[in-house]
Amino acid sequence: GSEHSHFLPTSLAMVLRRHALAVPWKGVNLGGWLLLERGPSYPLFEDHLSEEGEPIKCEWDLLKVMQAKFGKKETAAIIHRHRETHITKADFQRIKELGMNAVRLPFGYWVVMAPSTNEPYVGPAIDYIDRAVDWAEECGLQVVLDLHGCPGGESGEIPTGRLCPEG
């Protein structure tokens, strides 16, 4: 086991203890579930436009618009419903049935720990990561945990959860 695994949530520690794969990964990305992106999370993005009437490009802007429209509590309820339904155990079973052996799970840091003050993200929600790891294990799938959005954002690009203008 990893010397640091006692500091990590069960799902993260479990991955650190895995041995090298005997066969190459064949899998799918579970994007849009725990880090919202226009493509895979399209229903949420299609239902809301920016103040200028333009399509919203990132989770940060989407949540800001939703919170202005519905308030924080209702926005959190909408995100909770999305997380409960966007990916389910049946998806993991189907992935295995299709002959794949891995899933990639992108998520923002706010899913693991609470978002920083004045950030619109909804979290923590680490139970979903734990659920995904449990489902993967039950279905015989490997999991690639992908911290796709770090505190402060690592690039200012859309897949980190917040698109930052240049400058």
N, C-alpha and C. Protein backbone atom coordinates (compact mmCIF):
# COMPACT_ATOMS: atom_id res chain seq x y z
N GLY A 1 0.81 -1.19 0.00
CA GLY A 1 0.00 0.00 0.00
C GLY A 1 0.85 1.24 0.00
N SER A 2 0.23 2.36 -0.26
CA SER A 2 0.92 3.63 -0.27
C SER A 2 1.10 4.14 1.14
N GLU A 3 2.25 4.75 1.40
CA GLU A 3 2.50 5.29 2.73
C GLU A 3 1.57 6.46 3.05
N HIS A 4 0.97 7.07 2.03
CA HIS A 4 0.08 8.21 2.24
C HIS A 4 -1.39 7.84 2.19
N SER A 5 -1.71 6.59 1.96
CA SER A 5 -3.10 6.21 1.73
C SER A 5 -3.99 6.45 2.94
N HIS A 6 -3.43 6.49 4.15
CA HIS A 6 -4.27 6.72 5.32
C HIS A 6 -4.77 8.16 5.39
N PHE A 7 -4.24 9.07 4.57
CA PHE A 7 -4.69 10.46 4.54
C PHE A 7 -5.76 10.71 3.48
N LEU A 8 -5.98 9.76 2.60
CA LEU A 8 -6.84 9.97 1.45
C LEU A 8 -8.20 9.31 1.63
N PRO A 9 -9.23 9.87 0.95
CA PRO A 9 -10.52 9.17 0.92
C PRO A 9 -10.34 7.76 0.36
N THR A 10 -11.21 6.87 0.73
CA THR A 10 -11.11 5.47 0.32
C THR A 10 -10.92 5.32 -1.18
N SER A 11 -11.68 6.06 -1.97
CA SER A 11 -11.60 5.90 -3.42
C SER A 11 -10.23 6.25 -3.96
N LEU A 12 -9.61 7.31 -3.46
CA LEU A 12 -8.30 7.70 -3.96
C LEU A 12 -7.21 6.74 -3.47
N ALA A 13 -7.31 6.33 -2.22
CA ALA A 13 -6.32 5.41 -1.66
C ALA A 13 -6.36 4.07 -2.39
N MET A 14 -7.57 3.63 -2.78
CA MET A 14 -7.72 2.35 -3.46
C MET A 14 -6.94 2.35 -4.78
N VAL A 15 -7.00 3.45 -5.52
CA VAL A 15 -6.32 3.53 -6.80
C VAL A 15 -4.81 3.49 -6.60
N LEU A 16 -4.31 4.13 -5.55
CA LEU A 16 -2.87 4.14 -5.30
C LEU A 16 -2.33 2.75 -5.00
N ARG A 17 -3.17 1.86 -4.51
CA ARG A 17 -2.73 0.51 -4.16
C ARG A 17 -2.81 -0.46 -5.33
N ARG A 18 -3.35 -0.04 -6.46
CA ARG A 18 -3.50 -0.92 -7.62
C ARG A 18 -2.14 -1.28 -8.20
N HIS A 19 -2.03 -2.48 -8.71
CA HIS A 19 -0.82 -2.91 -9.40
C HIS A 19 -0.93 -2.53 -10.87
N ALA A 20 0.17 -2.57 -11.56
CA ALA A 20 0.19 -2.26 -12.98
C ALA A 20 -0.80 -3.16 -13.72
N LEU A 21 -1.38 -2.62 -14.74
CA LEU A 21 -2.36 -3.38 -15.52
C LEU A 21 -1.68 -4.47 -16.34
N ALA A 22 -2.32 -5.62 -16.39
CA ALA A 22 -1.82 -6.73 -17.19
C ALA A 22 -2.19 -6.55 -18.66
N VAL A 23 -3.25 -5.80 -18.93
CA VAL A 23 -3.70 -5.55 -20.30
C VAL A 23 -3.91 -4.05 -20.48
N PRO A 24 -3.78 -3.56 -21.71
CA PRO A 24 -4.00 -2.13 -21.94
C PRO A 24 -5.44 -1.73 -21.62
N TRP A 25 -5.60 -0.48 -21.23
CA TRP A 25 -6.95 0.04 -20.98
C TRP A 25 -7.70 0.22 -22.28
N LYS A 26 -8.96 -0.20 -22.26
CA LYS A 26 -9.92 0.11 -23.32
C LYS A 26 -11.11 0.67 -22.56
N GLY A 27 -11.38 1.95 -22.72
CA GLY A 27 -12.43 2.51 -21.90
C GLY A 27 -13.06 3.74 -22.47
N VAL A 28 -13.85 4.37 -21.62
CA VAL A 28 -14.59 5.56 -21.99
C VAL A 28 -14.40 6.64 -20.92
N ASN A 29 -14.66 7.85 -21.34
CA ASN A 29 -14.61 9.01 -20.47
C ASN A 29 -16.00 9.27 -19.91
N LEU A 30 -16.10 9.51 -18.61
CA LEU A 30 -17.38 9.83 -17.98
C LEU A 30 -17.51 11.34 -17.79
N GLY A 31 -17.09 12.08 -18.80
CA GLY A 31 -17.14 13.55 -18.75
C GLY A 31 -18.56 14.07 -18.61
N GLY A 32 -18.64 15.24 -18.00
CA GLY A 32 -19.93 15.91 -17.86
C GLY A 32 -20.71 15.49 -16.64
N TRP A 33 -20.19 14.55 -15.88
CA TRP A 33 -20.90 14.07 -14.69
C TRP A 33 -20.47 14.88 -13.47
N LEU A 34 -19.19 14.88 -13.15
CA LEU A 34 -18.69 15.54 -11.95
C LEU A 34 -17.90 16.81 -12.25
N LEU A 35 -17.75 17.11 -13.50
CA LEU A 35 -17.24 18.40 -13.96
C LEU A 35 -18.05 18.72 -15.21
N LEU A 36 -18.84 19.77 -15.14
CA LEU A 36 -19.80 20.07 -16.20
C LEU A 36 -19.12 20.68 -17.41
N GLU A 37 -19.41 20.12 -18.58
CA GLU A 37 -18.90 20.63 -19.84
C GLU A 37 -20.03 20.66 -20.86
N ARG A 38 -19.97 21.64 -21.76
CA ARG A 38 -21.05 21.85 -22.74
C ARG A 38 -21.46 20.59 -23.48
N GLY A 39 -20.52 19.83 -23.99
CA GLY A 39 -20.89 18.65 -24.77
C GLY A 39 -21.62 17.61 -23.95
N PRO A 40 -20.93 16.96 -23.03
CA PRO A 40 -21.59 15.87 -22.29
C PRO A 40 -22.66 16.33 -21.30
N SER A 41 -22.63 17.59 -20.87
CA SER A 41 -23.65 18.11 -19.93
C SER A 41 -24.62 19.02 -20.66
N TYR A 42 -24.80 18.79 -21.97
CA TYR A 42 -25.55 19.72 -22.81
C TYR A 42 -26.93 20.12 -22.29
N PRO A 43 -27.69 19.23 -21.65
CA PRO A 43 -29.02 19.70 -21.22
C PRO A 43 -28.95 20.90 -20.27
N LEU A 44 -28.00 20.88 -19.35
CA LEU A 44 -27.87 22.01 -18.42
C LEU A 44 -27.44 23.27 -19.17
N PHE A 45 -26.52 23.15 -20.09
CA PHE A 45 -26.02 24.31 -20.82
C PHE A 45 -27.05 24.86 -21.80
N GLU A 46 -27.83 23.98 -22.43
CA GLU A 46 -28.83 24.44 -23.40
C GLU A 46 -29.96 25.21 -22.74
N ASP A 47 -30.23 24.91 -21.47
CA ASP A 47 -31.34 25.56 -20.76
C ASP A 47 -31.01 26.95 -20.25
N HIS A 48 -29.74 27.36 -20.32
CA HIS A 48 -29.34 28.65 -19.75
C HIS A 48 -28.39 29.38 -20.68
N LEU A 49 -28.57 30.70 -20.78
CA LEU A 49 -27.70 31.55 -21.58
C LEU A 49 -27.04 32.59 -20.69
N SER A 50 -25.94 33.17 -21.16
CA SER A 50 -25.28 34.25 -20.42
C SER A 50 -26.19 35.48 -20.39
N GLU A 51 -25.80 36.48 -19.59
CA GLU A 51 -26.57 37.73 -19.54
C GLU A 51 -26.65 38.40 -20.90
N GLU A 52 -25.66 38.15 -21.74
CA GLU A 52 -25.64 38.73 -23.09
C GLU A 52 -26.41 37.87 -24.09
N GLY A 53 -27.02 36.78 -23.62
CA GLY A 53 -27.77 35.89 -24.50
C GLY A 53 -26.91 34.91 -25.26
N GLU A 54 -25.64 34.80 -24.89
CA GLU A 54 -24.69 33.90 -25.54
C GLU A 54 -24.68 32.54 -24.84
N PRO A 55 -24.28 31.48 -25.56
CA PRO A 55 -24.12 30.17 -24.91
C PRO A 55 -23.07 30.24 -23.81
N ILE A 56 -23.32 29.55 -22.74
CA ILE A 56 -22.37 29.49 -21.62
C ILE A 56 -21.33 28.43 -21.94
N LYS A 57 -20.07 28.72 -21.58
CA LYS A 57 -18.97 27.85 -22.00
C LYS A 57 -18.36 27.00 -20.90
N CYS A 58 -18.60 27.32 -19.60
CA CYS A 58 -17.93 26.58 -18.54
C CYS A 58 -18.84 26.44 -17.31
N GLU A 59 -18.47 25.51 -16.43
CA GLU A 59 -19.26 25.24 -15.22
C GLU A 59 -19.40 26.48 -14.35
N TRP A 60 -18.32 27.23 -14.17
CA TRP A 60 -18.35 28.44 -13.34
C TRP A 60 -19.46 29.38 -13.81
N ASP A 61 -19.44 29.72 -15.11
CA ASP A 61 -20.43 30.66 -15.65
C ASP A 61 -21.84 30.08 -15.59
N LEU A 62 -21.97 28.80 -15.86
CA LEU A 62 -23.28 28.16 -15.78
C LEU A 62 -23.86 28.29 -14.37
N LEU A 63 -23.05 27.97 -13.37
CA LEU A 63 -23.53 28.03 -11.99
C LEU A 63 -23.83 29.46 -11.55
N LYS A 64 -23.04 30.42 -12.00
CA LYS A 64 -23.30 31.83 -11.67
C LYS A 64 -24.67 32.24 -12.23
N VAL A 65 -24.95 31.88 -13.47
CA VAL A 65 -26.23 32.21 -14.11
C VAL A 65 -27.38 31.50 -13.39
N MET A 66 -27.20 30.23 -13.09
CA MET A 66 -28.25 29.46 -12.42
C MET A 66 -28.52 30.01 -11.02
N GLN A 67 -27.47 30.37 -10.28
CA GLN A 67 -27.65 30.90 -8.93
C GLN A 67 -28.35 32.25 -8.95
N ALA A 68 -28.07 33.07 -9.97
CA ALA A 68 -28.76 34.36 -10.10
C ALA A 68 -30.24 34.14 -10.42
N LYS A 69 -30.53 33.10 -11.17
CA LYS A 69 -31.89 32.80 -11.62
C LYS A 69 -32.70 32.06 -10.55
N PHE A 70 -32.08 31.05 -9.89
CA PHE A 70 -32.81 30.16 -8.98
C PHE A 70 -32.41 30.29 -7.52
N GLY A 71 -31.27 30.90 -7.24
CA GLY A 71 -30.72 30.91 -5.89
C GLY A 71 -29.80 29.71 -5.69
N LYS A 72 -28.98 29.77 -4.65
CA LYS A 72 -27.99 28.72 -4.41
C LYS A 72 -28.64 27.38 -4.08
N LYS A 73 -29.69 27.39 -3.29
CA LYS A 73 -30.30 26.13 -2.83
C LYS A 73 -30.91 25.35 -4.00
N GLU A 74 -31.68 26.03 -4.85
CA GLU A 74 -32.29 25.34 -5.99
C GLU A 74 -31.24 24.92 -7.01
N THR A 75 -30.21 25.75 -7.22
CA THR A 75 -29.13 25.37 -8.12
C THR A 75 -28.45 24.10 -7.62
N ALA A 76 -28.19 24.04 -6.32
CA ALA A 76 -27.58 22.83 -5.75
C ALA A 76 -28.47 21.62 -5.95
N ALA A 77 -29.79 21.80 -5.83
CA ALA A 77 -30.73 20.69 -6.05
C ALA A 77 -30.69 20.22 -7.51
N ILE A 78 -30.58 21.15 -8.44
CA ILE A 78 -30.51 20.80 -9.87
C ILE A 78 -29.22 20.02 -10.15
N ILE A 79 -28.11 20.48 -9.58
CA ILE A 79 -26.84 19.78 -9.78
C ILE A 79 -26.88 18.40 -9.14
N HIS A 80 -27.51 18.31 -7.98
CA HIS A 80 -27.66 17.00 -7.32
C HIS A 80 -28.45 16.04 -8.22
N ARG A 81 -29.55 16.51 -8.80
CA ARG A 81 -30.34 15.65 -9.71
C ARG A 81 -29.49 15.22 -10.90
N HIS A 82 -28.70 16.14 -11.44
CA HIS A 82 -27.82 15.80 -12.57
C HIS A 82 -26.84 14.70 -12.16
N ARG A 83 -26.22 14.86 -11.00
CA ARG A 83 -25.23 13.88 -10.55
C ARG A 83 -25.87 12.53 -10.25
N GLU A 84 -27.11 12.53 -9.83
CA GLU A 84 -27.82 11.28 -9.54
C GLU A 84 -28.22 10.53 -10.79
N THR A 85 -28.38 11.23 -11.91
CA THR A 85 -28.96 10.60 -13.11
C THR A 85 -28.04 10.56 -14.33
N HIS A 86 -27.04 11.41 -14.39
CA HIS A 86 -26.21 11.50 -15.61
C HIS A 86 -25.43 10.22 -15.86
N ILE A 87 -24.87 9.63 -14.82
CA ILE A 87 -24.17 8.35 -14.90
C ILE A 87 -24.71 7.47 -13.78
N THR A 88 -25.06 6.22 -14.11
CA THR A 88 -25.60 5.30 -13.12
C THR A 88 -24.84 3.97 -13.18
N LYS A 89 -25.16 3.09 -12.27
CA LYS A 89 -24.53 1.77 -12.27
C LYS A 89 -24.80 1.04 -13.59
N ALA A 90 -25.97 1.26 -14.16
CA ALA A 90 -26.31 0.63 -15.44
C ALA A 90 -25.32 1.04 -16.54
N ASP A 91 -24.82 2.27 -16.48
CA ASP A 91 -23.82 2.70 -17.45
C ASP A 91 -22.53 1.90 -17.30
N PHE A 92 -22.11 1.68 -16.05
CA PHE A 92 -20.91 0.88 -15.80
C PHE A 92 -21.11 -0.55 -16.30
N GLN A 93 -22.28 -1.11 -16.06
CA GLN A 93 -22.57 -2.47 -16.53
C GLN A 93 -22.53 -2.53 -18.05
N ARG A 94 -23.09 -1.53 -18.71
CA ARG A 94 -23.11 -1.49 -20.18
C ARG A 94 -21.69 -1.34 -20.73
N ILE A 95 -20.87 -0.51 -20.08
CA ILE A 95 -19.48 -0.34 -20.50
C ILE A 95 -18.76 -1.68 -20.48
N LYS A 96 -18.97 -2.44 -19.42
CA LYS A 96 -18.34 -3.77 -19.31
C LYS A 96 -18.89 -4.71 -20.39
N GLU A 97 -20.21 -4.69 -20.59
CA GLU A 97 -20.83 -5.55 -21.60
C GLU A 97 -20.29 -5.26 -23.00
N LEU A 98 -19.89 -4.03 -23.26
CA LEU A 98 -19.35 -3.63 -24.56
C LEU A 98 -17.88 -4.03 -24.72
N GLY A 99 -17.34 -4.70 -23.71
CA GLY A 99 -15.98 -5.22 -23.81
C GLY A 99 -14.89 -4.27 -23.34
N MET A 100 -15.27 -3.22 -22.65
CA MET A 100 -14.27 -2.28 -22.16
C MET A 100 -13.82 -2.69 -20.76
N ASN A 101 -12.66 -2.14 -20.34
CA ASN A 101 -12.14 -2.52 -19.03
C ASN A 101 -11.78 -1.32 -18.14
N ALA A 102 -12.11 -0.09 -18.59
CA ALA A 102 -11.74 1.08 -17.81
C ALA A 102 -12.68 2.25 -18.06
N VAL A 103 -12.75 3.13 -17.06
CA VAL A 103 -13.45 4.40 -17.19
C VAL A 103 -12.54 5.51 -16.69
N ARG A 104 -12.65 6.65 -17.31
CA ARG A 104 -11.94 7.86 -16.87
C ARG A 104 -12.97 8.76 -16.22
N LEU A 105 -12.66 9.22 -15.01
CA LEU A 105 -13.60 10.03 -14.24
C LEU A 105 -13.02 11.41 -13.95
N PRO A 106 -13.29 12.39 -14.83
CA PRO A 106 -12.84 13.75 -14.56
C PRO A 106 -13.72 14.41 -13.51
N PHE A 107 -13.10 15.18 -12.60
CA PHE A 107 -13.85 15.89 -11.57
C PHE A 107 -13.08 17.12 -11.16
N GLY A 108 -13.80 18.06 -10.57
CA GLY A 108 -13.18 19.26 -10.04
C GLY A 108 -12.89 19.08 -8.56
N TYR A 109 -11.94 19.87 -8.05
CA TYR A 109 -11.57 19.74 -6.64
C TYR A 109 -12.76 19.95 -5.73
N TRP A 110 -13.75 20.73 -6.15
CA TRP A 110 -14.93 21.02 -5.34
C TRP A 110 -15.79 19.79 -5.09
N VAL A 111 -15.57 18.73 -5.85
CA VAL A 111 -16.28 17.48 -5.60
C VAL A 111 -15.63 16.75 -4.41
N VAL A 112 -14.33 16.93 -4.21
CA VAL A 112 -13.61 16.29 -3.12
C VAL A 112 -13.70 17.10 -1.84
N MET A 113 -13.60 18.41 -1.96
CA MET A 113 -13.66 19.29 -0.79
C MET A 113 -14.54 20.48 -1.15
N ALA A 114 -14.95 21.23 -0.18
CA ALA A 114 -15.84 22.36 -0.43
C ALA A 114 -15.16 23.38 -1.34
N PRO A 115 -15.95 24.04 -2.19
CA PRO A 115 -15.36 25.10 -3.01
C PRO A 115 -14.87 26.24 -2.11
N SER A 116 -13.95 27.02 -2.64
CA SER A 116 -13.45 28.18 -1.90
C SER A 116 -14.54 29.24 -1.79
N THR A 117 -14.37 30.12 -0.84
CA THR A 117 -15.32 31.22 -0.62
C THR A 117 -15.54 31.98 -1.93
N ASN A 118 -16.77 32.34 -2.18
CA ASN A 118 -17.18 33.11 -3.36
C ASN A 118 -17.07 32.34 -4.68
N GLU A 119 -16.89 31.05 -4.62
CA GLU A 119 -16.94 30.25 -5.85
C GLU A 119 -18.33 29.63 -5.97
N PRO A 120 -18.84 29.54 -7.19
CA PRO A 120 -20.21 29.03 -7.35
C PRO A 120 -20.34 27.51 -7.36
N TYR A 121 -19.24 26.79 -7.33
CA TYR A 121 -19.29 25.33 -7.46
C TYR A 121 -20.13 24.69 -6.36
N VAL A 122 -20.70 23.54 -6.68
CA VAL A 122 -21.54 22.77 -5.74
C VAL A 122 -20.72 21.59 -5.25
N GLY A 123 -20.45 21.57 -3.96
CA GLY A 123 -19.67 20.49 -3.38
C GLY A 123 -19.56 20.69 -1.89
N PRO A 124 -18.93 19.79 -1.21
CA PRO A 124 -18.32 18.57 -1.73
C PRO A 124 -19.36 17.51 -2.09
N ALA A 125 -18.91 16.52 -2.87
CA ALA A 125 -19.78 15.44 -3.31
C ALA A 125 -18.94 14.19 -3.59
N ILE A 126 -17.99 13.93 -2.71
CA ILE A 126 -17.06 12.81 -2.91
C ILE A 126 -17.77 11.46 -2.93
N ASP A 127 -18.98 11.41 -2.39
CA ASP A 127 -19.75 10.16 -2.43
C ASP A 127 -19.91 9.66 -3.86
N TYR A 128 -19.97 10.57 -4.84
CA TYR A 128 -20.10 10.14 -6.23
C TYR A 128 -18.82 9.47 -6.73
N ILE A 129 -17.68 9.96 -6.30
CA ILE A 129 -16.42 9.30 -6.67
C ILE A 129 -16.37 7.92 -6.03
N ASP A 130 -16.73 7.85 -4.76
CA ASP A 130 -16.76 6.55 -4.08
C ASP A 130 -17.73 5.59 -4.77
N ARG A 131 -18.88 6.12 -5.15
CA ARG A 131 -19.89 5.30 -5.85
C ARG A 131 -19.33 4.79 -7.17
N ALA A 132 -18.66 5.65 -7.93
CA ALA A 132 -18.10 5.25 -9.21
C ALA A 132 -17.05 4.16 -9.03
N VAL A 133 -16.20 4.31 -8.01
CA VAL A 133 -15.17 3.29 -7.76
C VAL A 133 -15.82 1.97 -7.35
N ASP A 134 -16.85 2.03 -6.52
CA ASP A 134 -17.57 0.82 -6.13
C ASP A 134 -18.20 0.13 -7.33
N TRP A 135 -18.90 0.90 -8.17
CA TRP A 135 -19.54 0.34 -9.35
C TRP A 135 -18.50 -0.28 -10.28
N ALA A 136 -17.39 0.43 -10.47
CA ALA A 136 -16.33 -0.08 -11.35
C ALA A 136 -15.80 -1.40 -10.82
N GLU A 137 -15.57 -1.47 -9.53
CA GLU A 137 -15.05 -2.70 -8.95
C GLU A 137 -16.06 -3.84 -9.10
N GLU A 138 -17.34 -3.55 -8.86
CA GLU A 138 -18.38 -4.57 -9.02
C GLU A 138 -18.46 -5.06 -10.46
N CYS A 139 -18.19 -4.19 -11.42
CA CYS A 139 -18.29 -4.54 -12.85
C CYS A 139 -16.97 -5.01 -13.44
N GLY A 140 -15.91 -5.02 -12.65
CA GLY A 140 -14.62 -5.45 -13.17
C GLY A 140 -13.94 -4.42 -14.05
N LEU A 141 -14.14 -3.14 -13.75
CA LEU A 141 -13.54 -2.06 -14.52
C LEU A 141 -12.46 -1.34 -13.70
N GLN A 142 -11.44 -0.86 -14.37
CA GLN A 142 -10.44 0.01 -13.74
C GLN A 142 -10.94 1.45 -13.80
N VAL A 143 -10.44 2.30 -12.91
CA VAL A 143 -10.84 3.70 -12.89
C VAL A 143 -9.61 4.60 -12.98
N VAL A 144 -9.67 5.56 -13.87
CA VAL A 144 -8.66 6.62 -13.93
C VAL A 144 -9.31 7.85 -13.30
N LEU A 145 -8.87 8.20 -12.10
CA LEU A 145 -9.37 9.40 -11.44
C LEU A 145 -8.60 10.60 -11.98
N ASP A 146 -9.33 11.55 -12.55
CA ASP A 146 -8.72 12.68 -13.24
C ASP A 146 -9.12 13.98 -12.56
N LEU A 147 -8.22 14.51 -11.72
CA LEU A 147 -8.48 15.82 -11.10
C LEU A 147 -8.32 16.86 -12.20
N HIS A 148 -9.45 17.21 -12.78
CA HIS A 148 -9.49 18.01 -14.00
C HIS A 148 -9.59 19.50 -13.70
N GLY A 149 -10.03 19.85 -12.51
CA GLY A 149 -10.16 21.24 -12.10
C GLY A 149 -9.54 21.42 -10.72
N CYS A 150 -8.38 22.09 -10.67
CA CYS A 150 -7.67 22.30 -9.40
C CYS A 150 -8.06 23.64 -8.79
N PRO A 151 -7.82 23.82 -7.50
CA PRO A 151 -8.11 25.13 -6.88
C PRO A 151 -7.40 26.25 -7.63
N GLY A 152 -8.14 27.27 -7.97
CA GLY A 152 -7.58 28.39 -8.73
C GLY A 152 -7.50 28.15 -10.22
N GLY A 153 -7.74 26.93 -10.67
CA GLY A 153 -7.66 26.60 -12.09
C GLY A 153 -6.22 26.48 -12.55
N GLU A 154 -5.91 25.46 -13.31
CA GLU A 154 -4.53 25.26 -13.72
C GLU A 154 -4.22 25.85 -15.08
N SER A 155 -5.25 26.16 -15.87
CA SER A 155 -4.94 26.68 -17.21
C SER A 155 -5.88 27.79 -17.66
N GLY A 156 -7.00 27.97 -17.03
CA GLY A 156 -7.97 28.95 -17.52
C GLY A 156 -8.75 28.48 -18.71
N GLU A 157 -8.68 27.18 -19.02
CA GLU A 157 -9.41 26.62 -20.14
C GLU A 157 -10.72 25.99 -19.66
N ILE A 158 -11.66 25.81 -20.55
CA ILE A 158 -13.00 25.32 -20.24
C ILE A 158 -12.97 24.00 -19.45
N PRO A 159 -12.15 22.99 -19.82
CA PRO A 159 -12.22 21.73 -19.10
C PRO A 159 -11.79 21.78 -17.64
N THR A 160 -11.25 22.91 -17.17
CA THR A 160 -10.88 23.02 -15.76
C THR A 160 -12.05 23.48 -14.90
N GLY A 161 -13.18 23.77 -15.54
CA GLY A 161 -14.35 24.24 -14.83
C GLY A 161 -14.58 25.74 -14.96
N ARG A 162 -13.54 26.49 -15.33
CA ARG A 162 -13.69 27.94 -15.47
C ARG A 162 -12.84 28.47 -16.61
N LEU A 163 -13.50 29.09 -17.58
CA LEU A 163 -12.82 29.74 -18.68
C LEU A 163 -12.43 31.14 -18.24
N CYS A 164 -11.15 31.44 -18.27
CA CYS A 164 -10.67 32.76 -17.87
C CYS A 164 -10.23 33.53 -19.10
N PRO A 165 -10.71 34.78 -19.23
CA PRO A 165 -10.28 35.59 -20.38
C PRO A 165 -8.77 35.82 -20.31
N GLU A 166 -8.17 35.95 -21.48
CA GLU A 166 -6.72 36.20 -21.53
C GLU A 166 -6.44 37.59 -20.99
N GLY A 167 -5.24 37.75 -20.42
CA GLY A 167 -4.84 39.09 -19.98
C GLY A 167 -4.56 39.15 -18.59
